[in-house]
Protein backbone atom coordinates (compact mmCIF):
# COMPACT_ATOMS: atom_id res chain seq x y z
CA UNK A 1 0.00 0.00 0.00
CA UNK A 2 1.34 3.41 -0.97
CA UNK A 3 0.64 6.68 0.76
CA UNK A 4 1.09 10.31 -0.19
CA UNK A 5 3.11 10.79 -3.34
CA UNK A 6 4.93 7.45 -3.33
CA UNK A 7 5.55 5.92 -6.74
CA UNK A 8 6.66 2.56 -8.10
CA UNK A 9 8.12 1.80 -11.52
CA UNK A 10 5.92 -0.26 -13.83
CA UNK A 11 8.44 -3.10 -14.17
CA UNK A 12 8.83 -3.31 -10.38
CA UNK A 13 5.05 -3.35 -9.96
CA UNK A 14 4.68 -6.25 -12.42
CA UNK A 15 7.19 -8.25 -10.39
CA UNK A 16 5.55 -7.27 -7.08
CA UNK A 17 2.08 -8.48 -8.15
CA UNK A 18 3.53 -11.67 -9.65
CA UNK A 19 2.68 -10.89 -13.28
CA UNK A 20 6.40 -11.19 -14.12
CA UNK A 21 8.95 -13.34 -12.33
CA UNK A 22 12.01 -11.30 -13.32
CA UNK A 23 12.85 -7.78 -14.39
CA UNK A 24 13.78 -9.09 -17.82
CA UNK A 25 10.40 -10.74 -18.22
CA UNK A 26 8.67 -7.51 -17.15
CA UNK A 27 10.74 -5.56 -19.68
CA UNK A 28 9.72 -7.89 -22.52
CA UNK A 29 6.04 -7.70 -21.56
CA UNK A 30 6.13 -3.91 -21.49
CA UNK A 31 8.13 -3.50 -24.70
CA UNK A 32 5.89 -6.07 -26.38
CA UNK A 33 2.91 -3.74 -25.94
CA UNK A 34 0.80 -6.10 -23.83
CA UNK A 35 0.69 -3.89 -20.72
CA UNK A 36 -1.87 -1.11 -20.36
CA UNK A 37 -1.87 1.61 -17.73
CA UNK A 38 -5.19 3.41 -17.31
CA UNK A 39 -6.46 1.87 -20.59
CA UNK A 40 -3.43 3.09 -22.60
CA UNK A 41 -0.69 0.79 -23.91
CA UNK A 42 2.48 1.61 -21.98
CA UNK A 43 5.91 0.75 -23.39
CA UNK A 44 8.07 2.57 -20.84
CA UNK A 45 9.19 0.20 -18.08
CA UNK A 46 10.29 3.17 -15.99
CA UNK A 47 6.76 4.63 -15.99
CA UNK A 48 6.05 5.86 -12.48
CA UNK A 49 2.78 4.51 -11.09
CA UNK A 50 0.85 6.26 -8.34
CA UNK A 51 -2.03 5.15 -6.13
CA UNK A 52 -5.19 4.77 -8.20
CA UNK A 53 -3.47 3.75 -11.45
CA UNK A 54 -4.89 0.60 -13.09
CA UNK A 55 -2.53 -1.83 -14.79
CA UNK A 56 -3.93 -4.45 -17.15
CA UNK A 57 -1.96 -7.38 -18.48
CA UNK A 58 -3.28 -10.51 -20.18
CA UNK A 59 -6.84 -9.81 -19.06
CA UNK A 60 -5.98 -9.26 -15.40
CA UNK A 61 -6.41 -5.85 -13.79
CA UNK A 62 -4.29 -4.64 -10.90
CA UNK A 63 -4.94 -1.39 -9.10
CA UNK A 64 -2.07 0.48 -7.47
CA UNK A 65 -2.96 1.24 -3.86
PDB file of N, CA and C in Angstrom:
ATOM      1  N   UNK A   1       0.837  -1.181   0.000  1.00  0.00           N
ATOM      2  CA  UNK A   1       0.000   0.000   0.000  1.00  0.00           C
ATOM      3  C   UNK A   1       0.882   1.245   0.000  1.00  0.00           C
ATOM      4  N   UNK A   2       0.542   2.195  -0.845  1.00  0.00           N
ATOM      5  CA  UNK A   2       1.339   3.406  -0.967  1.00  0.00           C
ATOM      6  C   UNK A   2       0.560   4.584  -0.388  1.00  0.00           C
ATOM      7  N   UNK A   3       1.296   5.499   0.195  1.00  0.00           N
ATOM      8  CA  UNK A   3       0.645   6.676   0.757  1.00  0.00           C
ATOM      9  C   UNK A   3       1.279   7.933   0.190  1.00  0.00           C
ATOM     10  N   UNK A   4       0.546   9.032   0.257  1.00  0.00           N
ATOM     11  CA  UNK A   4       1.087  10.310  -0.190  1.00  0.00           C
ATOM     12  C   UNK A   4       1.450  10.290  -1.661  1.00  0.00           C
ATOM     13  N   UNK A   5       2.679  10.694  -1.950  1.00  0.00           N
ATOM     14  CA  UNK A   5       3.113  10.791  -3.339  1.00  0.00           C
ATOM     15  C   UNK A   5       4.103   9.690  -3.698  1.00  0.00           C
ATOM     16  N   UNK A   6       4.031   8.559  -3.010  1.00  0.00           N
ATOM     17  CA  UNK A   6       4.929   7.445  -3.328  1.00  0.00           C
ATOM     18  C   UNK A   6       4.644   6.933  -4.727  1.00  0.00           C
ATOM     19  N   UNK A   7       5.702   6.487  -5.406  1.00  0.00           N
ATOM     20  CA  UNK A   7       5.545   5.919  -6.743  1.00  0.00           C
ATOM     21  C   UNK A   7       6.288   4.590  -6.802  1.00  0.00           C
ATOM     22  N   UNK A   8       5.958   3.802  -7.825  1.00  0.00           N
ATOM     23  CA  UNK A   8       6.665   2.556  -8.099  1.00  0.00           C
ATOM     24  C   UNK A   8       6.786   2.443  -9.614  1.00  0.00           C
ATOM     25  N   UNK A   9       7.924   1.964 -10.076  1.00  0.00           N
ATOM     26  CA  UNK A   9       8.117   1.797 -11.520  1.00  0.00           C
ATOM     27  C   UNK A   9       7.268   0.632 -12.011  1.00  0.00           C
ATOM     28  N   UNK A  10       6.799   0.750 -13.241  1.00  0.00           N
ATOM     29  CA  UNK A  10       5.923  -0.257 -13.832  1.00  0.00           C
ATOM     30  C   UNK A  10       6.542  -1.651 -13.777  1.00  0.00           C
ATOM     31  N   UNK A  11       7.790  -1.784 -14.168  1.00  0.00           N
ATOM     32  CA  UNK A  11       8.438  -3.100 -14.167  1.00  0.00           C
ATOM     33  C   UNK A  11       8.491  -3.678 -12.757  1.00  0.00           C
ATOM     34  N   UNK A  12       8.786  -2.849 -11.768  1.00  0.00           N
ATOM     35  CA  UNK A  12       8.831  -3.311 -10.380  1.00  0.00           C
ATOM     36  C   UNK A  12       7.442  -3.754  -9.932  1.00  0.00           C
ATOM     37  N   UNK A  13       6.420  -3.008 -10.337  1.00  0.00           N
ATOM     38  CA  UNK A  13       5.051  -3.345  -9.964  1.00  0.00           C
ATOM     39  C   UNK A  13       4.653  -4.704 -10.539  1.00  0.00           C
ATOM     40  N   UNK A  14       5.016  -4.966 -11.797  1.00  0.00           N
ATOM     41  CA  UNK A  14       4.678  -6.246 -12.422  1.00  0.00           C
ATOM     42  C   UNK A  14       5.320  -7.408 -11.667  1.00  0.00           C
ATOM     43  N   UNK A  15       6.541  -7.205 -11.189  1.00  0.00           N
ATOM     44  CA  UNK A  15       7.191  -8.247 -10.394  1.00  0.00           C
ATOM     45  C   UNK A  15       6.502  -8.379  -9.043  1.00  0.00           C
ATOM     46  N   UNK A  16       6.155  -7.274  -8.417  1.00  0.00           N
ATOM     47  CA  UNK A  16       5.551  -7.274  -7.081  1.00  0.00           C
ATOM     48  C   UNK A  16       4.209  -8.004  -7.059  1.00  0.00           C
ATOM     49  N   UNK A  17       3.392  -7.820  -8.125  1.00  0.00           N
ATOM     50  CA  UNK A  17       2.082  -8.481  -8.150  1.00  0.00           C
ATOM     51  C   UNK A  17       2.167  -9.910  -8.693  1.00  0.00           C
ATOM     52  N   UNK A  18       3.348 -10.314  -9.156  1.00  0.00           N
ATOM     53  CA  UNK A  18       3.529 -11.672  -9.647  1.00  0.00           C
ATOM     54  C   UNK A  18       3.206 -11.871 -11.113  1.00  0.00           C
ATOM     55  N   UNK A  19       2.970 -10.778 -11.844  1.00  0.00           N
ATOM     56  CA  UNK A  19       2.683 -10.890 -13.278  1.00  0.00           C
ATOM     57  C   UNK A  19       3.952 -11.235 -14.054  1.00  0.00           C
ATOM     58  N   UNK A  20       5.105 -10.865 -13.516  1.00  0.00           N
ATOM     59  CA  UNK A  20       6.400 -11.188 -14.118  1.00  0.00           C
ATOM     60  C   UNK A  20       7.293 -11.745 -13.021  1.00  0.00           C
ATOM     61  N   UNK A  21       8.094 -12.751 -13.358  1.00  0.00           N
ATOM     62  CA  UNK A  21       8.947 -13.344 -12.332  1.00  0.00           C
ATOM     63  C   UNK A  21      10.315 -12.675 -12.244  1.00  0.00           C
ATOM     64  N   UNK A  22      10.722 -11.985 -13.321  1.00  0.00           N
ATOM     65  CA  UNK A  22      12.012 -11.295 -13.323  1.00  0.00           C
ATOM     66  C   UNK A  22      11.853  -9.925 -13.970  1.00  0.00           C
ATOM     67  N   UNK A  23      12.856  -9.083 -13.750  1.00  0.00           N
ATOM     68  CA  UNK A  23      12.853  -7.777 -14.388  1.00  0.00           C
ATOM     69  C   UNK A  23      12.921  -7.893 -15.903  1.00  0.00           C
ATOM     70  N   UNK A  24      13.667  -8.877 -16.385  1.00  0.00           N
ATOM     71  CA  UNK A  24      13.779  -9.089 -17.824  1.00  0.00           C
ATOM     72  C   UNK A  24      12.449  -9.486 -18.446  1.00  0.00           C
ATOM     73  N   UNK A  25      11.714 -10.337 -17.736  1.00  0.00           N
ATOM     74  CA  UNK A  25      10.395 -10.741 -18.221  1.00  0.00           C
ATOM     75  C   UNK A  25       9.448  -9.541 -18.247  1.00  0.00           C
ATOM     76  N   UNK A  26       9.505  -8.716 -17.209  1.00  0.00           N
ATOM     77  CA  UNK A  26       8.665  -7.513 -17.151  1.00  0.00           C
ATOM     78  C   UNK A  26       9.002  -6.581 -18.314  1.00  0.00           C
ATOM     79  N   UNK A  27      10.292  -6.418 -18.586  1.00  0.00           N
ATOM     80  CA  UNK A  27      10.739  -5.555 -19.684  1.00  0.00           C
ATOM     81  C   UNK A  27      10.170  -6.041 -21.018  1.00  0.00           C
ATOM     82  N   UNK A  28      10.235  -7.343 -21.266  1.00  0.00           N
ATOM     83  CA  UNK A  28       9.724  -7.889 -22.523  1.00  0.00           C
ATOM     84  C   UNK A  28       8.216  -7.711 -22.644  1.00  0.00           C
ATOM     85  N   UNK A  29       7.498  -7.887 -21.542  1.00  0.00           N
ATOM     86  CA  UNK A  29       6.044  -7.701 -21.557  1.00  0.00           C
ATOM     87  C   UNK A  29       5.698  -6.254 -21.906  1.00  0.00           C
ATOM     88  N   UNK A  30       6.399  -5.327 -21.274  1.00  0.00           N
ATOM     89  CA  UNK A  30       6.126  -3.913 -21.488  1.00  0.00           C
ATOM     90  C   UNK A  30       6.492  -3.506 -22.909  1.00  0.00           C
ATOM     91  N   UNK A  31       7.694  -3.870 -23.351  1.00  0.00           N
ATOM     92  CA  UNK A  31       8.127  -3.498 -24.695  1.00  0.00           C
ATOM     93  C   UNK A  31       7.316  -4.205 -25.773  1.00  0.00           C
ATOM     94  N   UNK A  32       6.710  -5.342 -25.424  1.00  0.00           N
ATOM     95  CA  UNK A  32       5.885  -6.068 -26.376  1.00  0.00           C
ATOM     96  C   UNK A  32       4.506  -5.466 -26.560  1.00  0.00           C
ATOM     97  N   UNK A  33       4.188  -4.443 -25.775  1.00  0.00           N
ATOM     98  CA  UNK A  33       2.914  -3.742 -25.936  1.00  0.00           C
ATOM     99  C   UNK A  33       1.712  -4.458 -25.351  1.00  0.00           C
ATOM    100  N   UNK A  34       1.942  -5.371 -24.400  1.00  0.00           N
ATOM    101  CA  UNK A  34       0.803  -6.102 -23.830  1.00  0.00           C
ATOM    102  C   UNK A  34       0.383  -5.565 -22.462  1.00  0.00           C
ATOM    103  N   UNK A  35       1.020  -4.479 -22.028  1.00  0.00           N
ATOM    104  CA  UNK A  35       0.692  -3.890 -20.725  1.00  0.00           C
ATOM    105  C   UNK A  35      -0.012  -2.552 -20.952  1.00  0.00           C
ATOM    106  N   UNK A  36      -1.146  -2.385 -20.285  1.00  0.00           N
ATOM    107  CA  UNK A  36      -1.873  -1.115 -20.359  1.00  0.00           C
ATOM    108  C   UNK A  36      -1.883  -0.475 -18.979  1.00  0.00           C
ATOM    109  N   UNK A  37      -1.729   0.838 -18.957  1.00  0.00           N
ATOM    110  CA  UNK A  37      -1.871   1.612 -17.728  1.00  0.00           C
ATOM    111  C   UNK A  37      -2.988   2.607 -17.967  1.00  0.00           C
ATOM    112  N   UNK A  38      -4.021   2.532 -17.154  1.00  0.00           N
ATOM    113  CA  UNK A  38      -5.188   3.410 -17.306  1.00  0.00           C
ATOM    114  C   UNK A  38      -5.743   3.367 -18.734  1.00  0.00           C
ATOM    115  N   UNK A  39      -5.886   2.145 -19.265  1.00  0.00           N
ATOM    116  CA  UNK A  39      -6.458   1.871 -20.590  1.00  0.00           C
ATOM    117  C   UNK A  39      -5.611   2.352 -21.765  1.00  0.00           C
ATOM    118  N   UNK A  40      -4.344   2.679 -21.524  1.00  0.00           N
ATOM    119  CA  UNK A  40      -3.431   3.090 -22.598  1.00  0.00           C
ATOM    120  C   UNK A  40      -2.247   2.123 -22.620  1.00  0.00           C
ATOM    121  N   UNK A  41      -1.861   1.654 -23.815  1.00  0.00           N
ATOM    122  CA  UNK A  41      -0.689   0.791 -23.913  1.00  0.00           C
ATOM    123  C   UNK A  41       0.528   1.574 -23.429  1.00  0.00           C
ATOM    124  N   UNK A  42       1.294   0.955 -22.551  1.00  0.00           N
ATOM    125  CA  UNK A  42       2.478   1.613 -21.980  1.00  0.00           C
ATOM    126  C   UNK A  42       3.714   0.802 -22.331  1.00  0.00           C
ATOM    127  N   UNK A  43       4.688   1.443 -22.982  1.00  0.00           N
ATOM    128  CA  UNK A  43       5.906   0.749 -23.392  1.00  0.00           C
ATOM    129  C   UNK A  43       7.139   1.232 -22.632  1.00  0.00           C
ATOM    130  N   UNK A  44       6.932   2.082 -21.638  1.00  0.00           N
ATOM    131  CA  UNK A  44       8.066   2.574 -20.837  1.00  0.00           C
ATOM    132  C   UNK A  44       8.103   1.813 -19.512  1.00  0.00           C
ATOM    133  N   UNK A  45       9.129   0.989 -19.319  1.00  0.00           N
ATOM    134  CA  UNK A  45       9.185   0.200 -18.083  1.00  0.00           C
ATOM    135  C   UNK A  45       9.469   1.075 -16.872  1.00  0.00           C
ATOM    136  N   UNK A  46      10.010   2.257 -17.082  1.00  0.00           N
ATOM    137  CA  UNK A  46      10.287   3.172 -15.987  1.00  0.00           C
ATOM    138  C   UNK A  46       9.106   4.056 -15.629  1.00  0.00           C
ATOM    139  N   UNK A  47       7.971   3.838 -16.270  1.00  0.00           N
ATOM    140  CA  UNK A  47       6.764   4.630 -15.990  1.00  0.00           C
ATOM    141  C   UNK A  47       6.485   4.602 -14.494  1.00  0.00           C
ATOM    142  N   UNK A  48       6.321   5.758 -13.909  1.00  0.00           N
ATOM    143  CA  UNK A  48       6.047   5.863 -12.476  1.00  0.00           C
ATOM    144  C   UNK A  48       4.552   5.714 -12.233  1.00  0.00           C
ATOM    145  N   UNK A  49       4.179   4.732 -11.439  1.00  0.00           N
ATOM    146  CA  UNK A  49       2.780   4.513 -11.085  1.00  0.00           C
ATOM    147  C   UNK A  49       2.492   5.164  -9.736  1.00  0.00           C
ATOM    148  N   UNK A  50       1.291   5.673  -9.601  1.00  0.00           N
ATOM    149  CA  UNK A  50       0.854   6.265  -8.335  1.00  0.00           C
ATOM    150  C   UNK A  50      -0.433   5.572  -7.901  1.00  0.00           C
ATOM    151  N   UNK A  51      -0.806   5.757  -6.647  1.00  0.00           N
ATOM    152  CA  UNK A  51      -2.028   5.154  -6.125  1.00  0.00           C
ATOM    153  C   UNK A  51      -3.209   5.538  -7.005  1.00  0.00           C
ATOM    154  N   UNK A  52      -4.024   4.541  -7.350  1.00  0.00           N
ATOM    155  CA  UNK A  52      -5.190   4.770  -8.195  1.00  0.00           C
ATOM    156  C   UNK A  52      -4.988   4.343  -9.639  1.00  0.00           C
ATOM    157  N   UNK A  53      -3.731   4.207 -10.075  1.00  0.00           N
ATOM    158  CA  UNK A  53      -3.475   3.749 -11.445  1.00  0.00           C
ATOM    159  C   UNK A  53      -3.949   2.304 -11.593  1.00  0.00           C
ATOM    160  N   UNK A  54      -4.461   1.961 -12.775  1.00  0.00           N
ATOM    161  CA  UNK A  54      -4.888   0.598 -13.091  1.00  0.00           C
ATOM    162  C   UNK A  54      -3.963   0.019 -14.142  1.00  0.00           C
ATOM    163  N   UNK A  55      -3.428  -1.146 -13.859  1.00  0.00           N
ATOM    164  CA  UNK A  55      -2.527  -1.829 -14.792  1.00  0.00           C
ATOM    165  C   UNK A  55      -3.235  -3.085 -15.270  1.00  0.00           C
ATOM    166  N   UNK A  56      -3.294  -3.271 -16.594  1.00  0.00           N
ATOM    167  CA  UNK A  56      -3.933  -4.453 -17.153  1.00  0.00           C
ATOM    168  C   UNK A  56      -2.921  -5.223 -17.991  1.00  0.00           C
ATOM    169  N   UNK A  57      -2.845  -6.514 -17.718  1.00  0.00           N
ATOM    170  CA  UNK A  57      -1.963  -7.384 -18.485  1.00  0.00           C
ATOM    171  C   UNK A  57      -2.627  -8.740 -18.625  1.00  0.00           C
ATOM    172  N   UNK A  58      -2.706  -9.199 -19.853  1.00  0.00           N
ATOM    173  CA  UNK A  58      -3.276 -10.508 -20.175  1.00  0.00           C
ATOM    174  C   UNK A  58      -4.630 -10.717 -19.513  1.00  0.00           C
ATOM    175  N   UNK A  59      -5.475  -9.702 -19.579  1.00  0.00           N
ATOM    176  CA  UNK A  59      -6.838  -9.815 -19.063  1.00  0.00           C
ATOM    177  C   UNK A  59      -6.991  -9.629 -17.570  1.00  0.00           C
ATOM    178  N   UNK A  60      -5.897  -9.470 -16.849  1.00  0.00           N
ATOM    179  CA  UNK A  60      -5.975  -9.256 -15.403  1.00  0.00           C
ATOM    180  C   UNK A  60      -5.754  -7.774 -15.113  1.00  0.00           C
ATOM    181  N   UNK A  61      -6.522  -7.262 -14.172  1.00  0.00           N
ATOM    182  CA  UNK A  61      -6.410  -5.853 -13.795  1.00  0.00           C
ATOM    183  C   UNK A  61      -5.891  -5.745 -12.375  1.00  0.00           C
ATOM    184  N   UNK A  62      -4.872  -4.910 -12.216  1.00  0.00           N
ATOM    185  CA  UNK A  62      -4.286  -4.640 -10.903  1.00  0.00           C
ATOM    186  C   UNK A  62      -4.410  -3.153 -10.635  1.00  0.00           C
ATOM    187  N   UNK A  63      -4.852  -2.790  -9.443  1.00  0.00           N
ATOM    188  CA  UNK A  63      -4.939  -1.386  -9.096  1.00  0.00           C
ATOM    189  C   UNK A  63      -3.843  -1.051  -8.093  1.00  0.00           C
ATOM    190  N   UNK A  64      -3.127   0.021  -8.377  1.00  0.00           N
ATOM    191  CA  UNK A  64      -2.074   0.477  -7.468  1.00  0.00           C
ATOM    192  C   UNK A  64      -2.747   1.125  -6.269  1.00  0.00           C
ATOM    193  N   UNK A  65      -2.347   0.690  -5.074  1.00  0.00           N
ATOM    194  CA  UNK A  65      -2.958   1.241  -3.859  1.00  0.00           C
ATOM    195  C   UNK A  65      -1.919   1.873  -2.978  1.00  0.00           C
TER     196      UNK A  65
END
